[in-house]
All heavy atoms as atom14 arrays in JSON, in Angstrom:
{
  "sequence": "YPRLKTSQMYNFSFTEENCQVLDQSLENSTVNSRRGTNKIEVSDQKG",
  "atom14_mask": [
    [1, 1, 1, 1, 1, 1, 1, 1, 1, 1, 1, 1, 0, 0],
    [1, 1, 1, 1, 1, 1, 1, 0, 0, 0, 0, 0, 0, 0],
    [1, 1, 1, 1, 1, 1, 1, 1, 1, 1, 1, 0, 0, 0],
    [1, 1, 1, 1, 1, 1, 1, 1, 0, 0, 0, 0, 0, 0],
    [1, 1, 1, 1, 1, 1, 1, 1, 1, 0, 0, 0, 0, 0],
    [1, 1, 1, 1, 1, 1, 1, 0, 0, 0, 0, 0, 0, 0],
    [1, 1, 1, 1, 1, 1, 0, 0, 0, 0, 0, 0, 0, 0],
    [1, 1, 1, 1, 1, 1, 1, 1, 1, 0, 0, 0, 0, 0],
    [1, 1, 1, 1, 1, 1, 1, 1, 0, 0, 0, 0, 0, 0],
    [1, 1, 1, 1, 1, 1, 1, 1, 1, 1, 1, 1, 0, 0],
    [1, 1, 1, 1, 1, 1, 1, 1, 0, 0, 0, 0, 0, 0],
    [1, 1, 1, 1, 1, 1, 1, 1, 1, 1, 1, 0, 0, 0],
    [1, 1, 1, 1, 1, 1, 0, 0, 0, 0, 0, 0, 0, 0],
    [1, 1, 1, 1, 1, 1, 1, 1, 1, 1, 1, 0, 0, 0],
    [1, 1, 1, 1, 1, 1, 1, 0, 0, 0, 0, 0, 0, 0],
    [1, 1, 1, 1, 1, 1, 1, 1, 1, 0, 0, 0, 0, 0],
    [1, 1, 1, 1, 1, 1, 1, 1, 1, 0, 0, 0, 0, 0],
    [1, 1, 1, 1, 1, 1, 1, 1, 0, 0, 0, 0, 0, 0],
    [1, 1, 1, 1, 1, 1, 0, 0, 0, 0, 0, 0, 0, 0],
    [1, 1, 1, 1, 1, 1, 1, 1, 1, 0, 0, 0, 0, 0],
    [1, 1, 1, 1, 1, 1, 1, 0, 0, 0, 0, 0, 0, 0],
    [1, 1, 1, 1, 1, 1, 1, 1, 0, 0, 0, 0, 0, 0],
    [1, 1, 1, 1, 1, 1, 1, 1, 0, 0, 0, 0, 0, 0],
    [1, 1, 1, 1, 1, 1, 1, 1, 1, 0, 0, 0, 0, 0],
    [1, 1, 1, 1, 1, 1, 0, 0, 0, 0, 0, 0, 0, 0],
    [1, 1, 1, 1, 1, 1, 1, 1, 0, 0, 0, 0, 0, 0],
    [1, 1, 1, 1, 1, 1, 1, 1, 1, 0, 0, 0, 0, 0],
    [1, 1, 1, 1, 1, 1, 1, 1, 0, 0, 0, 0, 0, 0],
    [1, 1, 1, 1, 1, 1, 0, 0, 0, 0, 0, 0, 0, 0],
    [1, 1, 1, 1, 1, 1, 1, 0, 0, 0, 0, 0, 0, 0],
    [1, 1, 1, 1, 1, 1, 1, 0, 0, 0, 0, 0, 0, 0],
    [1, 1, 1, 1, 1, 1, 1, 1, 0, 0, 0, 0, 0, 0],
    [1, 1, 1, 1, 1, 1, 0, 0, 0, 0, 0, 0, 0, 0],
    [1, 1, 1, 1, 1, 1, 1, 1, 1, 1, 1, 0, 0, 0],
    [1, 1, 1, 1, 1, 1, 1, 1, 1, 1, 1, 0, 0, 0],
    [1, 1, 1, 1, 0, 0, 0, 0, 0, 0, 0, 0, 0, 0],
    [1, 1, 1, 1, 1, 1, 1, 0, 0, 0, 0, 0, 0, 0],
    [1, 1, 1, 1, 1, 1, 1, 1, 0, 0, 0, 0, 0, 0],
    [1, 1, 1, 1, 1, 1, 1, 1, 1, 0, 0, 0, 0, 0],
    [1, 1, 1, 1, 1, 1, 1, 1, 0, 0, 0, 0, 0, 0],
    [1, 1, 1, 1, 1, 1, 1, 1, 1, 0, 0, 0, 0, 0],
    [1, 1, 1, 1, 1, 1, 1, 0, 0, 0, 0, 0, 0, 0],
    [1, 1, 1, 1, 1, 1, 0, 0, 0, 0, 0, 0, 0, 0],
    [1, 1, 1, 1, 1, 1, 1, 1, 0, 0, 0, 0, 0, 0],
    [1, 1, 1, 1, 1, 1, 1, 1, 1, 0, 0, 0, 0, 0],
    [1, 1, 1, 1, 1, 1, 1, 1, 1, 0, 0, 0, 0, 0],
    [1, 1, 1, 1, 0, 0, 0, 0, 0, 0, 0, 0, 0, 0]
  ],
  "atom14_positions": [
    [[-20.12, 141.03, 22.54], [-21.21, 141.63, 21.79], [-20.61, 142.51, 20.69], [-20.36, 143.7, 20.92], [-22.1, 142.45, 22.72], [-22.64, 141.65, 23.88], [-21.93, 141.54, 25.08], [-23.85, 140.99, 23.79], [-22.42, 140.8, 26.14], [-24.35, 140.25, 24.84], [-23.63, 140.15, 26.01], [-24.12, 139.42, 27.06], [0.0, 0.0, 0.0], [0.0, 0.0, 0.0]],
    [[-20.35, 141.95, 19.5], [-19.65, 142.71, 18.45], [-20.34, 144.01, 18.06], [-19.67, 145.03, 17.89], [-19.61, 141.74, 17.27], [-19.68, 140.39, 17.9], [-20.59, 140.57, 19.08], [0.0, 0.0, 0.0], [0.0, 0.0, 0.0], [0.0, 0.0, 0.0], [0.0, 0.0, 0.0], [0.0, 0.0, 0.0], [0.0, 0.0, 0.0], [0.0, 0.0, 0.0]],
    [[-21.65, 144.02, 17.9], [-22.33, 145.25, 17.47], [-22.28, 146.33, 18.54], [-22.26, 147.51, 18.23], [-23.77, 144.97, 17.09], [-23.86, 144.21, 15.79], [-25.1, 144.55, 15.02], [-25.11, 143.83, 13.76], [-26.14, 143.22, 13.26], [-27.28, 143.22, 13.9], [-26.05, 142.6, 12.1], [0.0, 0.0, 0.0], [0.0, 0.0, 0.0], [0.0, 0.0, 0.0]],
    [[-22.28, 145.91, 19.8], [-22.2, 146.88, 20.9], [-20.75, 147.23, 21.24], [-20.49, 148.11, 22.04], [-22.9, 146.33, 22.15], [-24.38, 146.01, 22.0], [-24.9, 145.37, 23.28], [-25.17, 147.25, 21.66], [0.0, 0.0, 0.0], [0.0, 0.0, 0.0], [0.0, 0.0, 0.0], [0.0, 0.0, 0.0], [0.0, 0.0, 0.0], [0.0, 0.0, 0.0]],
    [[-19.82, 146.47, 20.66], [-18.39, 146.66, 20.9], [-18.06, 146.53, 22.38], [-17.26, 147.29, 22.93], [-17.91, 148.0, 20.35], [-18.12, 148.13, 18.86], [-17.62, 149.43, 18.31], [-17.88, 149.46, 16.82], [-17.45, 150.62, 16.15], [0.0, 0.0, 0.0], [0.0, 0.0, 0.0], [0.0, 0.0, 0.0], [0.0, 0.0, 0.0], [0.0, 0.0, 0.0]],
    [[-18.71, 145.58, 23.05], [-18.46, 145.36, 24.47], [-18.29, 143.87, 24.74], [-18.59, 143.03, 23.9], [-19.63, 145.88, 25.35], [-20.81, 145.15, 25.01], [-19.85, 147.35, 25.17], [0.0, 0.0, 0.0], [0.0, 0.0, 0.0], [0.0, 0.0, 0.0], [0.0, 0.0, 0.0], [0.0, 0.0, 0.0], [0.0, 0.0, 0.0], [0.0, 0.0, 0.0]],
    [[-17.83, 143.58, 25.95], [-17.7, 142.2, 26.39], [-17.85, 142.15, 27.9], [-17.66, 143.16, 28.59], [-16.34, 141.63, 25.98], [-15.31, 142.36, 26.61], [0.0, 0.0, 0.0], [0.0, 0.0, 0.0], [0.0, 0.0, 0.0], [0.0, 0.0, 0.0], [0.0, 0.0, 0.0], [0.0, 0.0, 0.0], [0.0, 0.0, 0.0], [0.0, 0.0, 0.0]],
    [[-18.21, 140.98, 28.41], [-18.28, 140.75, 29.85], [-17.56, 139.45, 30.13], [-17.63, 138.51, 29.36], [-19.73, 140.62, 30.32], [-20.5, 141.92, 30.3], [-21.91, 141.72, 30.85], [-22.58, 140.75, 30.52], [-22.33, 142.64, 31.68], [0.0, 0.0, 0.0], [0.0, 0.0, 0.0], [0.0, 0.0, 0.0], [0.0, 0.0, 0.0], [0.0, 0.0, 0.0]],
    [[-16.87, 139.41, 31.28], [-16.14, 138.22, 31.66], [-16.61, 137.77, 33.04], [-16.8, 138.59, 33.93], [-14.64, 138.52, 31.68], [-13.77, 137.3, 31.89], [-12.0, 137.68, 31.84], [-11.76, 137.93, 30.1], [0.0, 0.0, 0.0], [0.0, 0.0, 0.0], [0.0, 0.0, 0.0], [0.0, 0.0, 0.0], [0.0, 0.0, 0.0], [0.0, 0.0, 0.0]],
    [[-16.81, 136.46, 33.2], [-17.22, 135.88, 34.47], [-16.22, 134.8, 34.84], [-15.79, 134.05, 33.99], [-18.6, 135.22, 34.35], [-19.66, 136.09, 33.74], [-19.89, 136.07, 32.37], [-20.42, 136.93, 34.53], [-20.87, 136.86, 31.8], [-21.39, 137.73, 33.97], [-21.62, 137.69, 32.61], [-22.59, 138.48, 32.05], [0.0, 0.0, 0.0], [0.0, 0.0, 0.0]],
    [[-15.9, 134.72, 36.13], [-15.02, 133.65, 36.6], [-15.81, 132.79, 37.56], [-16.23, 133.25, 38.61], [-13.78, 134.23, 37.27], [-12.75, 133.16, 37.55], [-13.07, 132.01, 37.82], [-11.49, 133.54, 37.5], [0.0, 0.0, 0.0], [0.0, 0.0, 0.0], [0.0, 0.0, 0.0], [0.0, 0.0, 0.0], [0.0, 0.0, 0.0], [0.0, 0.0, 0.0]],
    [[-16.03, 131.51, 37.2], [-16.83, 130.6, 38.01], [-16.03, 129.95, 39.13], [-16.59, 129.22, 39.92], [-17.43, 129.51, 37.14], [-18.35, 130.06, 36.09], [-18.12, 129.79, 34.76], [-19.44, 130.84, 36.43], [-18.97, 130.29, 33.79], [-20.28, 131.36, 35.46], [-20.04, 131.07, 34.14], [0.0, 0.0, 0.0], [0.0, 0.0, 0.0], [0.0, 0.0, 0.0]],
    [[-14.73, 130.19, 39.21], [-13.93, 129.53, 40.23], [-13.85, 130.35, 41.51], [-13.28, 129.91, 42.49], [-12.52, 129.25, 39.71], [-11.86, 130.46, 39.42], [0.0, 0.0, 0.0], [0.0, 0.0, 0.0], [0.0, 0.0, 0.0], [0.0, 0.0, 0.0], [0.0, 0.0, 0.0], [0.0, 0.0, 0.0], [0.0, 0.0, 0.0], [0.0, 0.0, 0.0]],
    [[-14.41, 131.56, 41.52], [-14.4, 132.36, 42.73], [-15.25, 131.7, 43.81], [-16.22, 131.02, 43.52], [-14.97, 133.76, 42.49], [-14.03, 134.69, 41.77], [-14.53, 135.62, 40.88], [-12.68, 134.64, 41.99], [-13.69, 136.48, 40.22], [-11.83, 135.5, 41.34], [-12.34, 136.41, 40.45], [0.0, 0.0, 0.0], [0.0, 0.0, 0.0], [0.0, 0.0, 0.0]],
    [[-14.88, 131.95, 45.06], [-15.72, 131.5, 46.15], [-16.92, 132.43, 46.25], [-16.96, 133.49, 45.64], [-14.96, 131.53, 47.49], [-14.57, 132.87, 47.75], [-13.74, 130.62, 47.45], [0.0, 0.0, 0.0], [0.0, 0.0, 0.0], [0.0, 0.0, 0.0], [0.0, 0.0, 0.0], [0.0, 0.0, 0.0], [0.0, 0.0, 0.0], [0.0, 0.0, 0.0]],
    [[-17.9, 132.05, 47.04], [-19.14, 132.82, 47.14], [-18.87, 134.27, 47.57], [-19.48, 135.2, 47.06], [-20.07, 132.16, 48.15], [-21.38, 132.87, 48.33], [-22.29, 132.14, 49.28], [-22.28, 130.92, 49.31], [-23.03, 132.83, 50.02], [0.0, 0.0, 0.0], [0.0, 0.0, 0.0], [0.0, 0.0, 0.0], [0.0, 0.0, 0.0], [0.0, 0.0, 0.0]],
    [[-17.93, 134.47, 48.48], [-17.67, 135.82, 48.98], [-17.09, 136.74, 47.91], [-17.25, 137.94, 47.95], [-16.7, 135.78, 50.18], [-17.24, 135.05, 51.4], [-17.16, 133.53, 51.26], [-16.23, 133.04, 50.62], [-18.08, 132.86, 51.77], [0.0, 0.0, 0.0], [0.0, 0.0, 0.0], [0.0, 0.0, 0.0], [0.0, 0.0, 0.0], [0.0, 0.0, 0.0]],
    [[-16.37, 136.14, 46.95], [-15.7, 136.95, 45.94], [-16.4, 136.94, 44.59], [-15.87, 137.43, 43.62], [-14.26, 136.45, 45.74], [-13.44, 136.63, 46.98], [-13.62, 137.6, 47.71], [-12.53, 135.7, 47.24], [0.0, 0.0, 0.0], [0.0, 0.0, 0.0], [0.0, 0.0, 0.0], [0.0, 0.0, 0.0], [0.0, 0.0, 0.0], [0.0, 0.0, 0.0]],
    [[-17.59, 136.33, 44.52], [-18.27, 136.22, 43.24], [-18.57, 137.6, 42.68], [-19.14, 138.45, 43.35], [-19.58, 135.45, 43.4], [-20.47, 135.26, 41.87], [0.0, 0.0, 0.0], [0.0, 0.0, 0.0], [0.0, 0.0, 0.0], [0.0, 0.0, 0.0], [0.0, 0.0, 0.0], [0.0, 0.0, 0.0], [0.0, 0.0, 0.0], [0.0, 0.0, 0.0]],
    [[-18.15, 137.82, 41.45], [-18.38, 139.12, 40.83], [-18.28, 139.03, 39.33], [-17.73, 138.08, 38.81], [-17.37, 140.14, 41.36], [-15.93, 139.72, 41.16], [-14.96, 140.66, 41.81], [-15.13, 141.86, 41.69], [-13.98, 140.14, 42.49], [0.0, 0.0, 0.0], [0.0, 0.0, 0.0], [0.0, 0.0, 0.0], [0.0, 0.0, 0.0], [0.0, 0.0, 0.0]],
    [[-18.84, 140.0, 38.66], [-18.74, 140.09, 37.22], [-17.57, 141.01, 36.9], [-17.45, 142.09, 37.47], [-20.05, 140.67, 36.61], [-19.89, 140.85, 35.12], [-21.21, 139.75, 36.93], [0.0, 0.0, 0.0], [0.0, 0.0, 0.0], [0.0, 0.0, 0.0], [0.0, 0.0, 0.0], [0.0, 0.0, 0.0], [0.0, 0.0, 0.0], [0.0, 0.0, 0.0]],
    [[-16.73, 140.58, 35.98], [-15.54, 141.35, 35.65], [-15.58, 141.76, 34.19], [-15.97, 140.97, 33.33], [-14.27, 140.53, 35.91], [-14.07, 140.08, 37.35], [-12.88, 139.16, 37.44], [-13.9, 141.25, 38.28], [0.0, 0.0, 0.0], [0.0, 0.0, 0.0], [0.0, 0.0, 0.0], [0.0, 0.0, 0.0], [0.0, 0.0, 0.0], [0.0, 0.0, 0.0]],
    [[-15.17, 142.97, 33.88], [-15.12, 143.44, 32.51], [-13.7, 143.63, 32.02], [-13.47, 144.25, 31.02], [-15.87, 144.78, 32.38], [-17.37, 144.58, 32.48], [-17.87, 143.62, 31.87], [-18.02, 145.37, 33.16], [0.0, 0.0, 0.0], [0.0, 0.0, 0.0], [0.0, 0.0, 0.0], [0.0, 0.0, 0.0], [0.0, 0.0, 0.0], [0.0, 0.0, 0.0]],
    [[-12.75, 143.11, 32.75], [-11.37, 143.23, 32.32], [-10.65, 141.92, 32.58], [-11.25, 140.97, 33.05], [-10.66, 144.38, 33.05], [-10.52, 144.2, 34.56], [-11.71, 144.7, 35.34], [-12.57, 145.35, 34.8], [-11.76, 144.41, 36.6], [0.0, 0.0, 0.0], [0.0, 0.0, 0.0], [0.0, 0.0, 0.0], [0.0, 0.0, 0.0], [0.0, 0.0, 0.0]],
    [[-9.36, 141.86, 32.28], [-8.59, 140.63, 32.48], [-8.61, 140.23, 33.95], [-8.66, 141.07, 34.84], [-7.14, 140.84, 32.03], [-7.11, 141.13, 30.66], [0.0, 0.0, 0.0], [0.0, 0.0, 0.0], [0.0, 0.0, 0.0], [0.0, 0.0, 0.0], [0.0, 0.0, 0.0], [0.0, 0.0, 0.0], [0.0, 0.0, 0.0], [0.0, 0.0, 0.0]],
    [[-8.54, 138.93, 34.19], [-8.57, 138.42, 35.54], [-7.17, 138.1, 36.01], [-6.4, 137.44, 35.33], [-9.41, 137.14, 35.59], [-10.86, 137.28, 35.16], [-11.46, 135.9, 34.99], [-11.63, 138.07, 36.18], [0.0, 0.0, 0.0], [0.0, 0.0, 0.0], [0.0, 0.0, 0.0], [0.0, 0.0, 0.0], [0.0, 0.0, 0.0], [0.0, 0.0, 0.0]],
    [[-6.84, 138.57, 37.23], [-5.56, 138.19, 37.79], [-5.62, 136.73, 38.18], [-6.66, 136.21, 38.55], [-5.26, 139.05, 39.03], [-5.01, 140.51, 38.71], [-4.67, 141.32, 39.94], [-4.18, 140.73, 40.9], [-4.9, 142.52, 39.91], [0.0, 0.0, 0.0], [0.0, 0.0, 0.0], [0.0, 0.0, 0.0], [0.0, 0.0, 0.0], [0.0, 0.0, 0.0]],
    [[-4.5, 136.05, 38.13], [-4.39, 134.63, 38.48], [-5.27, 133.74, 37.61], [-5.59, 132.63, 37.99], [-4.74, 134.41, 39.96], [-3.85, 135.23, 40.87], [-2.67, 135.4, 40.59], [-4.42, 135.72, 41.95], [0.0, 0.0, 0.0], [0.0, 0.0, 0.0], [0.0, 0.0, 0.0], [0.0, 0.0, 0.0], [0.0, 0.0, 0.0], [0.0, 0.0, 0.0]],
    [[-5.7, 134.2, 36.48], [-6.54, 133.4, 35.6], [-5.66, 132.78, 34.53], [-4.64, 133.33, 34.15], [-7.6, 134.27, 34.94], [-8.33, 133.52, 34.02], [0.0, 0.0, 0.0], [0.0, 0.0, 0.0], [0.0, 0.0, 0.0], [0.0, 0.0, 0.0], [0.0, 0.0, 0.0], [0.0, 0.0, 0.0], [0.0, 0.0, 0.0], [0.0, 0.0, 0.0]],
    [[-6.09, 131.61, 34.04], [-5.36, 130.97, 32.94], [-5.92, 131.42, 31.6], [-5.52, 130.91, 30.57], [-5.44, 129.44, 33.07], [-6.82, 129.07, 33.12], [-4.71, 128.96, 34.3], [0.0, 0.0, 0.0], [0.0, 0.0, 0.0], [0.0, 0.0, 0.0], [0.0, 0.0, 0.0], [0.0, 0.0, 0.0], [0.0, 0.0, 0.0], [0.0, 0.0, 0.0]],
    [[-6.84, 132.37, 31.62], [-7.4, 132.94, 30.4], [-6.87, 134.35, 30.25], [-6.93, 135.15, 31.17], [-8.95, 132.94, 30.44], [-9.51, 133.68, 29.25], [-9.47, 131.53, 30.51], [0.0, 0.0, 0.0], [0.0, 0.0, 0.0], [0.0, 0.0, 0.0], [0.0, 0.0, 0.0], [0.0, 0.0, 0.0], [0.0, 0.0, 0.0], [0.0, 0.0, 0.0]],
    [[-6.33, 134.65, 29.08], [-5.82, 135.99, 28.81], [-6.82, 136.73, 27.92], [-7.37, 136.14, 27.0], [-4.48, 135.92, 28.07], [-3.45, 135.16, 28.85], [-3.27, 135.37, 30.04], [-2.77, 134.23, 28.19], [0.0, 0.0, 0.0], [0.0, 0.0, 0.0], [0.0, 0.0, 0.0], [0.0, 0.0, 0.0], [0.0, 0.0, 0.0], [0.0, 0.0, 0.0]],
    [[-7.03, 138.0, 28.22], [-7.87, 138.79, 27.32], [-7.15, 140.1, 27.03], [-6.56, 140.7, 27.92], [-9.25, 139.04, 27.92], [-9.21, 140.05, 28.88], [0.0, 0.0, 0.0], [0.0, 0.0, 0.0], [0.0, 0.0, 0.0], [0.0, 0.0, 0.0], [0.0, 0.0, 0.0], [0.0, 0.0, 0.0], [0.0, 0.0, 0.0], [0.0, 0.0, 0.0]],
    [[-7.2, 140.48, 25.75], [-6.62, 141.76, 25.33], [-7.7, 142.53, 24.63], [-8.41, 142.0, 23.77], [-5.43, 141.53, 24.41], [-4.22, 140.96, 25.12], [-3.08, 140.88, 24.17], [-3.43, 139.96, 23.09], [-2.57, 139.48, 22.24], [-1.32, 139.82, 22.29], [-2.95, 138.64, 21.28], [0.0, 0.0, 0.0], [0.0, 0.0, 0.0], [0.0, 0.0, 0.0]],
    [[-7.8, 143.78, 24.97], [-8.83, 144.62, 24.39], [-8.18, 145.81, 23.72], [-7.42, 146.54, 24.34], [-9.8, 145.07, 25.5], [-10.86, 146.05, 25.07], [-11.89, 145.31, 24.21], [-12.74, 146.26, 23.54], [-13.98, 146.53, 23.88], [-14.51, 145.93, 24.9], [-14.68, 147.39, 23.21], [0.0, 0.0, 0.0], [0.0, 0.0, 0.0], [0.0, 0.0, 0.0]],
    [[-8.47, 146.0, 22.45], [-8.01, 147.18, 21.73], [-9.2, 148.06, 21.4], [-10.32, 147.8, 21.85], [0.0, 0.0, 0.0], [0.0, 0.0, 0.0], [0.0, 0.0, 0.0], [0.0, 0.0, 0.0], [0.0, 0.0, 0.0], [0.0, 0.0, 0.0], [0.0, 0.0, 0.0], [0.0, 0.0, 0.0], [0.0, 0.0, 0.0], [0.0, 0.0, 0.0]],
    [[-8.99, 149.08, 20.63], [-10.07, 149.99, 20.27], [-11.19, 149.27, 19.53], [-12.35, 149.44, 19.85], [-9.53, 151.13, 19.39], [-8.44, 151.75, 20.07], [-10.6, 152.16, 19.11], [0.0, 0.0, 0.0], [0.0, 0.0, 0.0], [0.0, 0.0, 0.0], [0.0, 0.0, 0.0], [0.0, 0.0, 0.0], [0.0, 0.0, 0.0], [0.0, 0.0, 0.0]],
    [[-10.84, 148.47, 18.55], [-11.84, 147.78, 17.75], [-11.7, 146.27, 17.77], [-12.23, 145.58, 16.9], [-11.78, 148.25, 16.29], [-12.36, 149.63, 16.12], [-13.43, 149.91, 16.66], [-11.66, 150.48, 15.4], [0.0, 0.0, 0.0], [0.0, 0.0, 0.0], [0.0, 0.0, 0.0], [0.0, 0.0, 0.0], [0.0, 0.0, 0.0], [0.0, 0.0, 0.0]],
    [[-10.98, 145.72, 18.76], [-10.72, 144.29, 18.75], [-10.62, 143.75, 20.17], [-10.16, 144.43, 21.07], [-9.41, 144.02, 18.0], [-9.15, 142.56, 17.71], [-7.94, 142.41, 16.81], [-7.77, 140.96, 16.4], [-6.64, 140.77, 15.51], [0.0, 0.0, 0.0], [0.0, 0.0, 0.0], [0.0, 0.0, 0.0], [0.0, 0.0, 0.0], [0.0, 0.0, 0.0]],
    [[-11.08, 142.52, 20.34], [-10.87, 141.81, 21.6], [-10.37, 140.42, 21.26], [-10.81, 139.8, 20.29], [-12.16, 141.74, 22.46], [-11.84, 141.07, 23.8], [-13.28, 141.04, 21.73], [-12.93, 141.2, 24.83], [0.0, 0.0, 0.0], [0.0, 0.0, 0.0], [0.0, 0.0, 0.0], [0.0, 0.0, 0.0], [0.0, 0.0, 0.0], [0.0, 0.0, 0.0]],
    [[-9.41, 139.94, 22.04], [-8.88, 138.59, 21.85], [-8.84, 137.9, 23.2], [-8.38, 138.47, 24.19], [-7.48, 138.63, 21.24], [-6.94, 137.26, 20.96], [-5.6, 137.28, 20.26], [-5.18, 138.34, 19.79], [-4.98, 136.21, 20.18], [0.0, 0.0, 0.0], [0.0, 0.0, 0.0], [0.0, 0.0, 0.0], [0.0, 0.0, 0.0], [0.0, 0.0, 0.0]],
    [[-9.33, 136.68, 23.23], [-9.35, 135.87, 24.43], [-8.64, 134.57, 24.11], [-8.91, 133.94, 23.09], [-10.8, 135.56, 24.88], [-10.8, 134.74, 26.14], [-11.58, 136.85, 25.07], [0.0, 0.0, 0.0], [0.0, 0.0, 0.0], [0.0, 0.0, 0.0], [0.0, 0.0, 0.0], [0.0, 0.0, 0.0], [0.0, 0.0, 0.0], [0.0, 0.0, 0.0]],
    [[-7.7, 134.16, 24.97], [-6.95, 132.93, 24.7], [-6.6, 132.24, 26.01], [-6.62, 132.85, 27.07], [-5.68, 133.25, 23.9], [-4.85, 134.12, 24.64], [0.0, 0.0, 0.0], [0.0, 0.0, 0.0], [0.0, 0.0, 0.0], [0.0, 0.0, 0.0], [0.0, 0.0, 0.0], [0.0, 0.0, 0.0], [0.0, 0.0, 0.0], [0.0, 0.0, 0.0]],
    [[-6.26, 130.96, 25.89], [-5.78, 130.24, 27.06], [-4.41, 129.65, 26.75], [-3.9, 129.77, 25.64], [-6.77, 129.17, 27.52], [-6.88, 127.99, 26.56], [-6.16, 127.97, 25.54], [-7.7, 127.1, 26.83], [0.0, 0.0, 0.0], [0.0, 0.0, 0.0], [0.0, 0.0, 0.0], [0.0, 0.0, 0.0], [0.0, 0.0, 0.0], [0.0, 0.0, 0.0]],
    [[-3.8, 129.01, 27.74], [-2.45, 128.48, 27.57], [-2.43, 127.17, 26.81], [-1.37, 126.65, 26.5], [-1.81, 128.29, 28.96], [-1.65, 129.61, 29.69], [-1.36, 129.42, 31.16], [-1.59, 128.37, 31.72], [-0.85, 130.47, 31.8], [0.0, 0.0, 0.0], [0.0, 0.0, 0.0], [0.0, 0.0, 0.0], [0.0, 0.0, 0.0], [0.0, 0.0, 0.0]],
    [[-3.61, 126.63, 26.48], [-3.67, 125.36, 25.76], [-3.91, 125.55, 24.27], [-4.22, 124.6, 23.56], [-4.77, 124.49, 26.36], [-4.48, 124.1, 27.79], [-5.6, 123.28, 28.37], [-5.29, 122.94, 29.82], [-6.39, 122.22, 30.46], [0.0, 0.0, 0.0], [0.0, 0.0, 0.0], [0.0, 0.0, 0.0], [0.0, 0.0, 0.0], [0.0, 0.0, 0.0]],
    [[-3.81, 126.77, 23.77], [-3.88, 127.0, 22.34], [-5.25, 127.29, 21.77], [-5.47, 127.08, 20.58], [0.0, 0.0, 0.0], [0.0, 0.0, 0.0], [0.0, 0.0, 0.0], [0.0, 0.0, 0.0], [0.0, 0.0, 0.0], [0.0, 0.0, 0.0], [0.0, 0.0, 0.0], [0.0, 0.0, 0.0], [0.0, 0.0, 0.0], [0.0, 0.0, 0.0]]
  ]
}
């Protein structure tokens, strides 16, 4: 959400017991996210 300067991250591979909404980088995820003061970048290992 650029105007709100926020983001939310969801991981659909969690099992039912661990299902949760995450607002930061995910451990063991193939998606990387970096958050700076005025910038967010999300990338994967496939470019």
